[in-house]
Amino acid sequence: MKNHLARISLAMVLFAGAAFAQNEVVEEGRDVIQEARLEIVRSELRLTDEETAAFWPLYLRYRAETDAVQDRYAAMIEEYLRRYNNAELTDDYADELMATYFGIKRELLGLQEKYLPEFRGVLPALKTARLFQLENKINAEIDGELALVIPLVETE
């Protein structure tokens, strides 16, 4: 798992540090992250053949919904960086930014809550818990890398 998390860290450095404005870099970073995420889940969840058949279509549906929300998160960060670099941060934009951020976080938690019973329908409780631990660990790694490269709002 450490190798895959290292790939995610590298992708985040490229994704966040290289340039949010370059769509090709953004897409490559997302692809690396998605591929590493799938490999982590595949290797760490240790599914039986029966579980595998039921799990993967559900997980891919969950990831598609989650990725759509995370695309909005990436767009929010891109907009923030653009405004930051152009010295266009305002109190009104800060209010909008915080509302968007908290809305996205609530929506992501809502998706986990929505899918929990569905995952419990195809996996035992311990494997379901492990899945969400893996998801949260990967997301924490991504958020940590973003925190290193996203500048704080200037207040003066």
N, C-alpha and C. Protein backbone atom coordinates (compact mmCIF):
# COMPACT_ATOMS: atom_id res chain seq x y z
N MET A 1 0.82 -1.19 0.00
CA MET A 1 0.00 0.00 0.00
C MET A 1 0.87 1.25 0.00
N LYS A 2 2.02 1.20 0.64
CA LYS A 2 2.89 2.38 0.70
C LYS A 2 3.33 2.81 -0.69
N ASN A 3 3.62 1.86 -1.57
CA ASN A 3 4.00 2.21 -2.94
C ASN A 3 2.89 2.95 -3.66
N HIS A 4 1.66 2.48 -3.45
CA HIS A 4 0.52 3.12 -4.10
C HIS A 4 0.26 4.51 -3.52
N LEU A 5 0.41 4.65 -2.21
CA LEU A 5 0.25 5.96 -1.60
C LEU A 5 1.35 6.91 -2.06
N ALA A 6 2.54 6.38 -2.27
CA ALA A 6 3.63 7.21 -2.82
C ALA A 6 3.29 7.68 -4.22
N ARG A 7 2.67 6.82 -5.03
CA ARG A 7 2.24 7.23 -6.37
C ARG A 7 1.19 8.32 -6.29
N ILE A 8 0.28 8.20 -5.32
CA ILE A 8 -0.74 9.23 -5.14
C ILE A 8 -0.07 10.54 -4.73
N SER A 9 0.90 10.47 -3.82
CA SER A 9 1.61 11.67 -3.38
C SER A 9 2.31 12.34 -4.56
N LEU A 10 2.99 11.55 -5.36
CA LEU A 10 3.67 12.09 -6.53
C LEU A 10 2.67 12.71 -7.50
N ALA A 11 1.58 12.03 -7.73
CA ALA A 11 0.55 12.57 -8.63
C ALA A 11 0.00 13.88 -8.10
N MET A 12 -0.19 13.96 -6.77
CA MET A 12 -0.71 15.20 -6.19
C MET A 12 0.28 16.33 -6.33
N VAL A 13 1.55 16.04 -6.17
CA VAL A 13 2.56 17.09 -6.35
C VAL A 13 2.50 17.59 -7.79
N LEU A 14 2.43 16.67 -8.73
CA LEU A 14 2.32 17.08 -10.14
C LEU A 14 1.00 17.81 -10.39
N PHE A 15 -0.06 17.23 -9.85
CA PHE A 15 -1.41 17.74 -10.04
C PHE A 15 -1.55 19.16 -9.48
N ALA A 16 -1.10 19.33 -8.24
CA ALA A 16 -1.28 20.62 -7.57
C ALA A 16 -0.15 21.58 -7.86
N GLY A 17 1.07 21.08 -7.93
CA GLY A 17 2.22 21.96 -8.05
C GLY A 17 2.57 22.32 -9.47
N ALA A 18 2.36 21.43 -10.42
CA ALA A 18 2.78 21.69 -11.80
C ALA A 18 2.01 22.87 -12.38
N ALA A 19 0.72 22.78 -12.37
CA ALA A 19 -0.10 23.90 -12.83
C ALA A 19 -1.52 23.40 -13.00
N PHE A 20 -2.43 23.97 -12.22
CA PHE A 20 -3.83 23.58 -12.34
C PHE A 20 -4.40 24.04 -13.68
N ALA A 21 -3.75 24.99 -14.29
CA ALA A 21 -4.28 25.52 -15.56
C ALA A 21 -4.02 24.59 -16.73
N GLN A 22 -3.12 23.65 -16.59
CA GLN A 22 -2.80 22.76 -17.70
C GLN A 22 -3.67 21.51 -17.59
N ASN A 23 -4.72 21.43 -18.40
CA ASN A 23 -5.67 20.33 -18.30
C ASN A 23 -5.02 18.97 -18.48
N GLU A 24 -4.01 18.88 -19.32
CA GLU A 24 -3.35 17.60 -19.56
C GLU A 24 -2.68 17.10 -18.28
N VAL A 25 -2.03 17.97 -17.56
CA VAL A 25 -1.39 17.60 -16.30
C VAL A 25 -2.44 17.17 -15.29
N VAL A 26 -3.54 17.90 -15.23
CA VAL A 26 -4.63 17.58 -14.31
C VAL A 26 -5.18 16.19 -14.63
N GLU A 27 -5.45 15.92 -15.89
CA GLU A 27 -6.00 14.61 -16.28
C GLU A 27 -5.03 13.49 -15.98
N GLU A 28 -3.75 13.69 -16.25
CA GLU A 28 -2.75 12.66 -15.94
C GLU A 28 -2.70 12.39 -14.44
N GLY A 29 -2.73 13.45 -13.65
CA GLY A 29 -2.72 13.29 -12.20
C GLY A 29 -3.93 12.53 -11.71
N ARG A 30 -5.10 12.86 -12.23
CA ARG A 30 -6.33 12.15 -11.85
C ARG A 30 -6.25 10.68 -12.23
N ASP A 31 -5.75 10.40 -13.42
CA ASP A 31 -5.62 9.01 -13.86
C ASP A 31 -4.71 8.21 -12.95
N VAL A 32 -3.58 8.79 -12.58
CA VAL A 32 -2.64 8.10 -11.69
C VAL A 32 -3.29 7.84 -10.33
N ILE A 33 -3.98 8.84 -9.82
CA ILE A 33 -4.65 8.70 -8.52
C ILE A 33 -5.72 7.62 -8.58
N GLN A 34 -6.54 7.65 -9.62
CA GLN A 34 -7.61 6.66 -9.75
C GLN A 34 -7.05 5.25 -9.89
N GLU A 35 -6.01 5.10 -10.69
CA GLU A 35 -5.39 3.80 -10.87
C GLU A 35 -4.80 3.29 -9.55
N ALA A 36 -4.10 4.15 -8.83
CA ALA A 36 -3.50 3.76 -7.55
C ALA A 36 -4.59 3.42 -6.54
N ARG A 37 -5.67 4.20 -6.53
CA ARG A 37 -6.78 3.93 -5.61
C ARG A 37 -7.36 2.54 -5.87
N LEU A 38 -7.60 2.22 -7.13
CA LEU A 38 -8.16 0.91 -7.46
C LEU A 38 -7.22 -0.21 -7.05
N GLU A 39 -5.93 -0.01 -7.25
CA GLU A 39 -4.96 -1.04 -6.89
C GLU A 39 -4.89 -1.22 -5.37
N ILE A 40 -4.97 -0.13 -4.63
CA ILE A 40 -4.97 -0.22 -3.17
C ILE A 40 -6.19 -1.01 -2.71
N VAL A 41 -7.36 -0.65 -3.21
CA VAL A 41 -8.58 -1.34 -2.81
C VAL A 41 -8.50 -2.82 -3.22
N ARG A 42 -8.05 -3.08 -4.43
CA ARG A 42 -7.94 -4.45 -4.92
C ARG A 42 -7.00 -5.28 -4.03
N SER A 43 -5.85 -4.73 -3.69
CA SER A 43 -4.87 -5.51 -2.94
C SER A 43 -5.16 -5.56 -1.44
N GLU A 44 -5.77 -4.53 -0.89
CA GLU A 44 -5.96 -4.45 0.55
C GLU A 44 -7.31 -4.98 1.05
N LEU A 45 -8.29 -5.11 0.18
CA LEU A 45 -9.62 -5.54 0.63
C LEU A 45 -9.72 -7.07 0.72
N ARG A 46 -8.91 -7.77 -0.05
CA ARG A 46 -8.84 -9.24 0.01
C ARG A 46 -10.22 -9.87 -0.14
N LEU A 47 -10.83 -9.63 -1.29
CA LEU A 47 -12.18 -10.15 -1.56
C LEU A 47 -12.15 -11.60 -2.02
N THR A 48 -13.19 -12.32 -1.67
CA THR A 48 -13.38 -13.66 -2.23
C THR A 48 -13.89 -13.49 -3.66
N ASP A 49 -13.92 -14.58 -4.41
CA ASP A 49 -14.45 -14.52 -5.78
C ASP A 49 -15.90 -14.07 -5.79
N GLU A 50 -16.68 -14.59 -4.86
CA GLU A 50 -18.10 -14.22 -4.78
C GLU A 50 -18.25 -12.73 -4.44
N GLU A 51 -17.47 -12.24 -3.49
CA GLU A 51 -17.51 -10.83 -3.12
C GLU A 51 -17.07 -9.95 -4.28
N THR A 52 -16.04 -10.38 -4.99
CA THR A 52 -15.51 -9.61 -6.12
C THR A 52 -16.59 -9.33 -7.16
N ALA A 53 -17.34 -10.34 -7.49
CA ALA A 53 -18.38 -10.20 -8.52
C ALA A 53 -19.43 -9.16 -8.14
N ALA A 54 -19.79 -9.12 -6.88
CA ALA A 54 -20.81 -8.17 -6.43
C ALA A 54 -20.22 -6.80 -6.11
N PHE A 55 -18.98 -6.77 -5.63
CA PHE A 55 -18.37 -5.53 -5.15
C PHE A 55 -18.00 -4.56 -6.26
N TRP A 56 -17.29 -5.02 -7.29
CA TRP A 56 -16.68 -4.09 -8.24
C TRP A 56 -17.69 -3.24 -9.01
N PRO A 57 -18.80 -3.78 -9.48
CA PRO A 57 -19.76 -2.87 -10.15
C PRO A 57 -20.28 -1.79 -9.20
N LEU A 58 -20.53 -2.17 -7.95
CA LEU A 58 -21.00 -1.22 -6.94
C LEU A 58 -19.93 -0.18 -6.64
N TYR A 59 -18.71 -0.63 -6.45
CA TYR A 59 -17.61 0.30 -6.13
C TYR A 59 -17.36 1.27 -7.27
N LEU A 60 -17.41 0.79 -8.50
CA LEU A 60 -17.19 1.68 -9.64
C LEU A 60 -18.31 2.72 -9.76
N ARG A 61 -19.53 2.34 -9.41
CA ARG A 61 -20.64 3.30 -9.40
C ARG A 61 -20.40 4.34 -8.28
N TYR A 62 -20.00 3.86 -7.12
CA TYR A 62 -19.68 4.76 -6.00
C TYR A 62 -18.56 5.73 -6.39
N ARG A 63 -17.51 5.21 -7.00
CA ARG A 63 -16.38 6.06 -7.39
C ARG A 63 -16.81 7.07 -8.45
N ALA A 64 -17.66 6.69 -9.38
CA ALA A 64 -18.12 7.64 -10.41
C ALA A 64 -18.85 8.81 -9.75
N GLU A 65 -19.72 8.52 -8.79
CA GLU A 65 -20.43 9.60 -8.09
C GLU A 65 -19.46 10.43 -7.26
N THR A 66 -18.55 9.76 -6.58
CA THR A 66 -17.58 10.47 -5.75
C THR A 66 -16.64 11.32 -6.60
N ASP A 67 -16.18 10.76 -7.71
CA ASP A 67 -15.28 11.50 -8.59
C ASP A 67 -15.95 12.75 -9.16
N ALA A 68 -17.24 12.68 -9.44
CA ALA A 68 -17.95 13.86 -9.94
C ALA A 68 -17.92 14.98 -8.90
N VAL A 69 -18.09 14.64 -7.63
CA VAL A 69 -18.02 15.65 -6.57
C VAL A 69 -16.58 16.14 -6.42
N GLN A 70 -15.63 15.23 -6.48
CA GLN A 70 -14.24 15.62 -6.33
C GLN A 70 -13.76 16.46 -7.52
N ASP A 71 -14.38 16.29 -8.67
CA ASP A 71 -14.07 17.18 -9.80
C ASP A 71 -14.47 18.61 -9.47
N ARG A 72 -15.59 18.78 -8.77
CA ARG A 72 -16.00 20.12 -8.35
C ARG A 72 -15.02 20.68 -7.31
N TYR A 73 -14.50 19.81 -6.47
CA TYR A 73 -13.49 20.20 -5.49
C TYR A 73 -12.23 20.69 -6.20
N ALA A 74 -11.79 19.94 -7.22
CA ALA A 74 -10.61 20.35 -7.99
C ALA A 74 -10.87 21.68 -8.68
N ALA A 75 -12.07 21.86 -9.23
CA ALA A 75 -12.40 23.12 -9.90
C ALA A 75 -12.39 24.28 -8.89
N MET A 76 -12.86 24.02 -7.68
CA MET A 76 -12.84 25.04 -6.64
C MET A 76 -11.40 25.44 -6.32
N ILE A 77 -10.52 24.46 -6.23
CA ILE A 77 -9.11 24.74 -5.94
C ILE A 77 -8.48 25.50 -7.10
N GLU A 78 -8.78 25.07 -8.32
CA GLU A 78 -8.25 25.77 -9.49
C GLU A 78 -8.66 27.24 -9.48
N GLU A 79 -9.93 27.49 -9.18
CA GLU A 79 -10.43 28.87 -9.14
C GLU A 79 -9.75 29.66 -8.02
N TYR A 80 -9.59 29.03 -6.87
CA TYR A 80 -8.90 29.68 -5.76
C TYR A 80 -7.48 30.07 -6.16
N LEU A 81 -6.75 29.13 -6.74
CA LEU A 81 -5.37 29.40 -7.15
C LEU A 81 -5.30 30.51 -8.20
N ARG A 82 -6.24 30.50 -9.13
CA ARG A 82 -6.27 31.55 -10.14
C ARG A 82 -6.48 32.91 -9.48
N ARG A 83 -7.46 32.99 -8.59
CA ARG A 83 -7.73 34.25 -7.90
C ARG A 83 -6.56 34.65 -7.00
N TYR A 84 -5.98 33.69 -6.33
CA TYR A 84 -4.84 33.97 -5.46
C TYR A 84 -3.69 34.55 -6.27
N ASN A 85 -3.36 33.89 -7.36
CA ASN A 85 -2.25 34.33 -8.21
C ASN A 85 -2.50 35.69 -8.86
N ASN A 86 -3.76 36.02 -9.08
CA ASN A 86 -4.11 37.30 -9.70
C ASN A 86 -4.50 38.36 -8.66
N ALA A 87 -4.28 38.05 -7.39
CA ALA A 87 -4.63 38.96 -6.29
C ALA A 87 -6.09 39.40 -6.38
N GLU A 88 -6.99 38.42 -6.61
CA GLU A 88 -8.42 38.69 -6.76
C GLU A 88 -9.25 38.08 -5.64
N LEU A 89 -8.66 37.91 -4.46
CA LEU A 89 -9.41 37.35 -3.34
C LEU A 89 -10.16 38.48 -2.64
N THR A 90 -11.44 38.24 -2.39
CA THR A 90 -12.28 39.22 -1.71
C THR A 90 -13.02 38.53 -0.57
N ASP A 91 -13.61 39.32 0.30
CA ASP A 91 -14.43 38.74 1.37
C ASP A 91 -15.62 37.97 0.79
N ASP A 92 -16.25 38.53 -0.25
CA ASP A 92 -17.38 37.83 -0.87
C ASP A 92 -16.94 36.48 -1.44
N TYR A 93 -15.78 36.47 -2.10
CA TYR A 93 -15.28 35.21 -2.65
C TYR A 93 -14.93 34.24 -1.52
N ALA A 94 -14.37 34.73 -0.42
CA ALA A 94 -14.04 33.87 0.72
C ALA A 94 -15.30 33.21 1.27
N ASP A 95 -16.40 33.96 1.37
CA ASP A 95 -17.67 33.38 1.82
C ASP A 95 -18.13 32.29 0.85
N GLU A 96 -18.03 32.57 -0.44
CA GLU A 96 -18.42 31.60 -1.47
C GLU A 96 -17.53 30.35 -1.40
N LEU A 97 -16.24 30.58 -1.25
CA LEU A 97 -15.28 29.48 -1.16
C LEU A 97 -15.59 28.57 0.02
N MET A 98 -15.84 29.14 1.19
CA MET A 98 -16.13 28.33 2.37
C MET A 98 -17.45 27.57 2.21
N ALA A 99 -18.45 28.23 1.65
CA ALA A 99 -19.73 27.55 1.43
C ALA A 99 -19.57 26.39 0.46
N THR A 100 -18.81 26.60 -0.60
CA THR A 100 -18.56 25.52 -1.58
C THR A 100 -17.79 24.39 -0.93
N TYR A 101 -16.74 24.72 -0.19
CA TYR A 101 -15.91 23.70 0.46
C TYR A 101 -16.74 22.83 1.40
N PHE A 102 -17.49 23.46 2.29
CA PHE A 102 -18.28 22.68 3.25
C PHE A 102 -19.40 21.90 2.56
N GLY A 103 -19.96 22.47 1.52
CA GLY A 103 -20.98 21.74 0.75
C GLY A 103 -20.42 20.49 0.11
N ILE A 104 -19.23 20.60 -0.45
CA ILE A 104 -18.57 19.44 -1.06
C ILE A 104 -18.26 18.38 -0.01
N LYS A 105 -17.73 18.79 1.13
CA LYS A 105 -17.41 17.83 2.20
C LYS A 105 -18.67 17.12 2.69
N ARG A 106 -19.78 17.87 2.84
CA ARG A 106 -21.04 17.24 3.25
C ARG A 106 -21.52 16.25 2.20
N GLU A 107 -21.39 16.63 0.94
CA GLU A 107 -21.84 15.75 -0.15
C GLU A 107 -21.01 14.47 -0.19
N LEU A 108 -19.70 14.58 0.02
CA LEU A 108 -18.85 13.38 0.04
C LEU A 108 -19.23 12.46 1.20
N LEU A 109 -19.46 13.03 2.37
CA LEU A 109 -19.89 12.22 3.51
C LEU A 109 -21.26 11.59 3.23
N GLY A 110 -22.14 12.36 2.60
CA GLY A 110 -23.46 11.84 2.23
C GLY A 110 -23.37 10.65 1.29
N LEU A 111 -22.42 10.69 0.36
CA LEU A 111 -22.24 9.54 -0.54
C LEU A 111 -21.75 8.32 0.22
N GLN A 112 -20.86 8.51 1.17
CA GLN A 112 -20.40 7.37 1.97
C GLN A 112 -21.57 6.79 2.77
N GLU A 113 -22.38 7.65 3.35
CA GLU A 113 -23.54 7.17 4.10
C GLU A 113 -24.55 6.49 3.18
N LYS A 114 -24.74 7.02 1.99
CA LYS A 114 -25.67 6.43 1.02
C LYS A 114 -25.22 5.03 0.61
N TYR A 115 -23.93 4.88 0.36
CA TYR A 115 -23.42 3.60 -0.13
C TYR A 115 -23.13 2.58 0.97
N LEU A 116 -23.05 3.01 2.21
CA LEU A 116 -22.74 2.09 3.30
C LEU A 116 -23.67 0.87 3.30
N PRO A 117 -24.99 1.04 3.28
CA PRO A 117 -25.84 -0.16 3.29
C PRO A 117 -25.67 -1.02 2.03
N GLU A 118 -25.37 -0.39 0.92
CA GLU A 118 -25.16 -1.17 -0.30
C GLU A 118 -23.89 -2.01 -0.21
N PHE A 119 -22.81 -1.41 0.31
CA PHE A 119 -21.58 -2.18 0.50
C PHE A 119 -21.81 -3.28 1.55
N ARG A 120 -22.58 -2.97 2.59
CA ARG A 120 -22.88 -3.99 3.60
C ARG A 120 -23.72 -5.12 3.01
N GLY A 121 -24.43 -4.84 1.94
CA GLY A 121 -25.22 -5.88 1.28
C GLY A 121 -24.36 -6.88 0.51
N VAL A 122 -23.13 -6.50 0.18
CA VAL A 122 -22.27 -7.39 -0.60
C VAL A 122 -20.99 -7.79 0.14
N LEU A 123 -20.71 -7.13 1.26
CA LEU A 123 -19.49 -7.43 2.02
C LEU A 123 -19.82 -7.58 3.51
N PRO A 124 -19.02 -8.37 4.21
CA PRO A 124 -19.17 -8.40 5.67
C PRO A 124 -18.81 -7.03 6.27
N ALA A 125 -19.24 -6.81 7.50
CA ALA A 125 -19.04 -5.51 8.14
C ALA A 125 -17.56 -5.15 8.25
N LEU A 126 -16.70 -6.10 8.58
CA LEU A 126 -15.28 -5.79 8.72
C LEU A 126 -14.66 -5.35 7.39
N LYS A 127 -15.04 -5.98 6.31
CA LYS A 127 -14.50 -5.58 5.00
C LYS A 127 -15.07 -4.23 4.57
N THR A 128 -16.32 -3.98 4.92
CA THR A 128 -16.91 -2.67 4.62
C THR A 128 -16.18 -1.59 5.39
N ALA A 129 -15.91 -1.85 6.66
CA ALA A 129 -15.16 -0.88 7.48
C ALA A 129 -13.77 -0.67 6.88
N ARG A 130 -13.13 -1.74 6.46
CA ARG A 130 -11.79 -1.63 5.87
C ARG A 130 -11.84 -0.81 4.58
N LEU A 131 -12.88 -1.01 3.78
CA LEU A 131 -13.03 -0.22 2.55
C LEU A 131 -13.07 1.27 2.87
N PHE A 132 -13.91 1.66 3.82
CA PHE A 132 -14.01 3.08 4.15
C PHE A 132 -12.75 3.60 4.82
N GLN A 133 -12.06 2.75 5.57
CA GLN A 133 -10.77 3.16 6.11
C GLN A 133 -9.78 3.44 4.97
N LEU A 134 -9.76 2.56 3.98
CA LEU A 134 -8.87 2.76 2.84
C LEU A 134 -9.22 4.05 2.09
N GLU A 135 -10.51 4.24 1.83
CA GLU A 135 -10.95 5.45 1.14
C GLU A 135 -10.53 6.70 1.93
N ASN A 136 -10.76 6.68 3.24
CA ASN A 136 -10.42 7.84 4.06
C ASN A 136 -8.92 8.06 4.14
N LYS A 137 -8.15 6.98 4.18
CA LYS A 137 -6.70 7.10 4.23
C LYS A 137 -6.17 7.70 2.92
N ILE A 138 -6.68 7.24 1.80
CA ILE A 138 -6.27 7.78 0.50
C ILE A 138 -6.65 9.25 0.41
N ASN A 139 -7.86 9.58 0.81
CA ASN A 139 -8.31 10.98 0.77
C ASN A 139 -7.47 11.86 1.68
N ALA A 140 -7.09 11.34 2.84
CA ALA A 140 -6.24 12.10 3.75
C ALA A 140 -4.87 12.36 3.13
N GLU A 141 -4.34 11.37 2.42
CA GLU A 141 -3.06 11.54 1.74
C GLU A 141 -3.16 12.65 0.68
N ILE A 142 -4.24 12.62 -0.08
CA ILE A 142 -4.46 13.64 -1.11
C ILE A 142 -4.61 15.02 -0.47
N ASP A 143 -5.44 15.11 0.57
CA ASP A 143 -5.64 16.39 1.25
C ASP A 143 -4.34 16.91 1.86
N GLY A 144 -3.53 16.01 2.40
CA GLY A 144 -2.25 16.41 2.97
C GLY A 144 -1.32 16.99 1.92
N GLU A 145 -1.27 16.36 0.77
CA GLU A 145 -0.43 16.86 -0.31
C GLU A 145 -0.94 18.21 -0.81
N LEU A 146 -2.25 18.34 -0.92
CA LEU A 146 -2.82 19.62 -1.34
C LEU A 146 -2.49 20.73 -0.33
N ALA A 147 -2.57 20.39 0.95
CA ALA A 147 -2.29 21.38 2.00
C ALA A 147 -0.86 21.91 1.90
N LEU A 148 0.04 21.08 1.41
CA LEU A 148 1.43 21.51 1.28
C LEU A 148 1.65 22.52 0.16
N VAL A 149 0.80 22.46 -0.87
CA VAL A 149 1.06 23.31 -2.03
C VAL A 149 0.05 24.44 -2.23
N ILE A 150 -1.06 24.40 -1.53
CA ILE A 150 -2.06 25.46 -1.69
C ILE A 150 -1.75 26.57 -0.68
N PRO A 151 -1.53 27.77 -1.17
CA PRO A 151 -1.20 28.87 -0.24
C PRO A 151 -2.40 29.31 0.58
N LEU A 152 -2.11 29.77 1.79
CA LEU A 152 -3.17 30.30 2.66
C LEU A 152 -3.64 31.65 2.15
N VAL A 153 -4.86 31.97 2.45
CA VAL A 153 -5.43 33.28 2.12
C VAL A 153 -4.62 34.35 2.82
N GLU A 154 -4.26 35.38 2.07
CA GLU A 154 -3.58 36.55 2.65
C GLU A 154 -4.66 37.45 3.25
N THR A 155 -4.43 37.92 4.46
CA THR A 155 -5.43 38.77 5.12
C THR A 155 -5.06 40.24 5.12
N GLU A 156 -3.87 40.57 4.67
CA GLU A 156 -3.48 41.98 4.63
C GLU A 156 -2.77 42.29 3.35
